[in-house]
Amino acid sequence: MTRVVLVDENDNPIGLKERSLIGDNDITRGSGVWITNSHDEILIAQRSLTKSHGPGLWGTAAAGGVEEGEEYLDNVLKEAQEELGLIIPPEELVMGPKIFIG
């Protein structure tokens, strides 16, 4: 059972919920990894066609929901390793702004 962090409109944690029970009105935390090279080219990835939300859409190179016990940075590093096989030193990351997607 994987539980994700539920938050309010200001990103304040308000609880936990099993990922499979997340509803349309729940707000959860997610992170995305944008990778650029020395030519300012951006690596993008296509979401699996079997995803329940946004199947087949193009976006970040790696992404995931922030799970119980994680912070954004933990999740970014984990997703980069799991999905891309990259071990990124935290000091090499440039954290972008928080955005609300709804």
Protein backbone atom coordinates (compact mmCIF):
# COMPACT_ATOMS: atom_id res chain seq x y z
CA MET A 1 0.00 0.00 0.00
CA THR A 2 1.55 3.30 -1.14
CA ARG A 3 0.27 6.40 0.61
CA VAL A 4 0.74 9.89 -0.79
CA VAL A 5 0.70 13.23 0.98
CA LEU A 6 -2.55 15.19 0.78
CA VAL A 7 -2.19 18.98 0.95
CA ASP A 8 -4.37 22.08 1.03
CA GLU A 9 -4.32 24.86 -1.59
CA ASN A 10 -1.18 26.31 0.06
CA ASP A 11 0.75 23.02 -0.03
CA ASN A 12 0.34 22.43 3.71
CA PRO A 13 0.14 18.71 4.54
CA ILE A 14 -3.30 17.70 5.79
CA GLY A 15 -3.14 13.91 5.66
CA LEU A 16 -2.23 10.76 3.80
CA LYS A 17 -4.22 8.63 1.38
CA GLU A 18 -3.60 5.42 -0.48
CA ARG A 19 -2.65 6.27 -4.05
CA SER A 20 -5.40 4.10 -5.56
CA LEU A 21 -8.07 6.01 -3.56
CA ILE A 22 -7.09 9.52 -4.67
CA GLY A 23 -10.13 11.38 -5.95
CA ASP A 24 -10.67 14.35 -8.25
CA ASN A 25 -10.98 16.76 -5.31
CA ASP A 26 -7.81 15.59 -3.54
CA ILE A 27 -4.67 17.70 -3.86
CA THR A 28 -1.42 15.74 -3.77
CA ARG A 29 2.25 16.59 -4.13
CA GLY A 30 4.18 15.61 -7.21
CA SER A 31 7.61 16.28 -8.61
CA GLY A 32 9.05 16.35 -12.08
CA VAL A 33 12.58 16.18 -13.41
CA TRP A 34 13.51 18.37 -16.37
CA ILE A 35 16.90 17.50 -17.84
CA THR A 36 18.79 19.87 -20.13
CA ASN A 37 22.11 19.52 -21.90
CA SER A 38 24.82 22.05 -22.76
CA HIS A 39 22.83 23.08 -25.87
CA ASP A 40 19.75 23.91 -23.76
CA GLU A 41 17.90 20.96 -25.29
CA ILE A 42 15.29 19.42 -22.99
CA LEU A 43 14.72 15.69 -22.53
CA ILE A 44 11.01 14.91 -22.54
CA ALA A 45 9.17 11.63 -22.12
CA GLN A 46 5.82 10.29 -23.24
CA ARG A 47 3.54 8.93 -20.52
CA SER A 48 2.42 5.34 -20.87
CA LEU A 49 -0.84 4.86 -22.73
CA THR A 50 -2.11 2.81 -19.77
CA LYS A 51 -1.87 5.69 -17.26
CA SER A 52 -5.21 6.70 -15.74
CA HIS A 53 -4.34 10.43 -15.86
CA GLY A 54 -2.92 11.96 -19.02
CA PRO A 55 -2.14 8.80 -20.99
CA GLY A 56 0.21 9.41 -23.92
CA LEU A 57 0.96 13.02 -22.99
CA TRP A 58 4.49 14.39 -23.25
CA GLY A 59 6.21 15.97 -20.25
CA THR A 60 9.03 15.78 -17.77
CA ALA A 61 11.78 13.20 -18.20
CA ALA A 62 10.72 11.61 -14.91
CA ALA A 63 7.95 12.35 -12.44
CA GLY A 64 6.17 10.91 -9.47
CA GLY A 65 3.91 11.51 -6.52
CA VAL A 66 5.47 12.47 -3.21
CA GLU A 67 4.88 9.53 -0.91
CA GLU A 68 4.55 9.22 2.83
CA GLY A 69 7.80 10.20 4.56
CA GLU A 70 9.21 11.98 1.48
CA GLU A 71 9.86 15.61 0.67
CA TYR A 72 10.04 17.01 -2.86
CA LEU A 73 13.83 16.63 -3.09
CA ASP A 74 13.69 12.99 -1.93
CA ASN A 75 11.10 12.25 -4.59
CA VAL A 76 12.98 13.98 -7.41
CA LEU A 77 16.16 12.02 -6.66
CA LYS A 78 14.25 8.74 -6.37
CA GLU A 79 12.30 9.23 -9.61
CA ALA A 80 15.45 10.18 -11.57
CA GLN A 81 17.12 6.98 -10.41
CA GLU A 82 14.11 4.69 -10.85
CA GLU A 83 12.94 5.98 -14.22
CA LEU A 84 16.19 7.13 -15.84
CA GLY A 85 18.95 5.28 -13.98
CA LEU A 86 20.50 8.62 -13.01
CA ILE A 87 22.08 9.31 -9.64
CA ILE A 88 22.05 13.09 -9.38
CA PRO A 89 23.99 14.83 -6.63
CA PRO A 90 21.48 17.12 -4.88
CA GLU A 91 23.81 20.11 -5.24
CA GLU A 92 23.52 19.80 -9.06
CA LEU A 93 19.77 20.30 -9.02
CA VAL A 94 18.11 23.59 -9.72
CA MET A 95 14.76 23.59 -7.97
CA GLY A 96 12.00 25.20 -9.98
CA PRO A 97 8.86 26.89 -8.75
CA LYS A 98 5.93 25.06 -7.24
CA ILE A 99 2.98 25.10 -9.57
CA PHE A 100 -0.61 24.01 -9.10
CA ILE A 101 -1.99 21.77 -11.83
CA GLY A 102 -5.65 21.13 -11.54
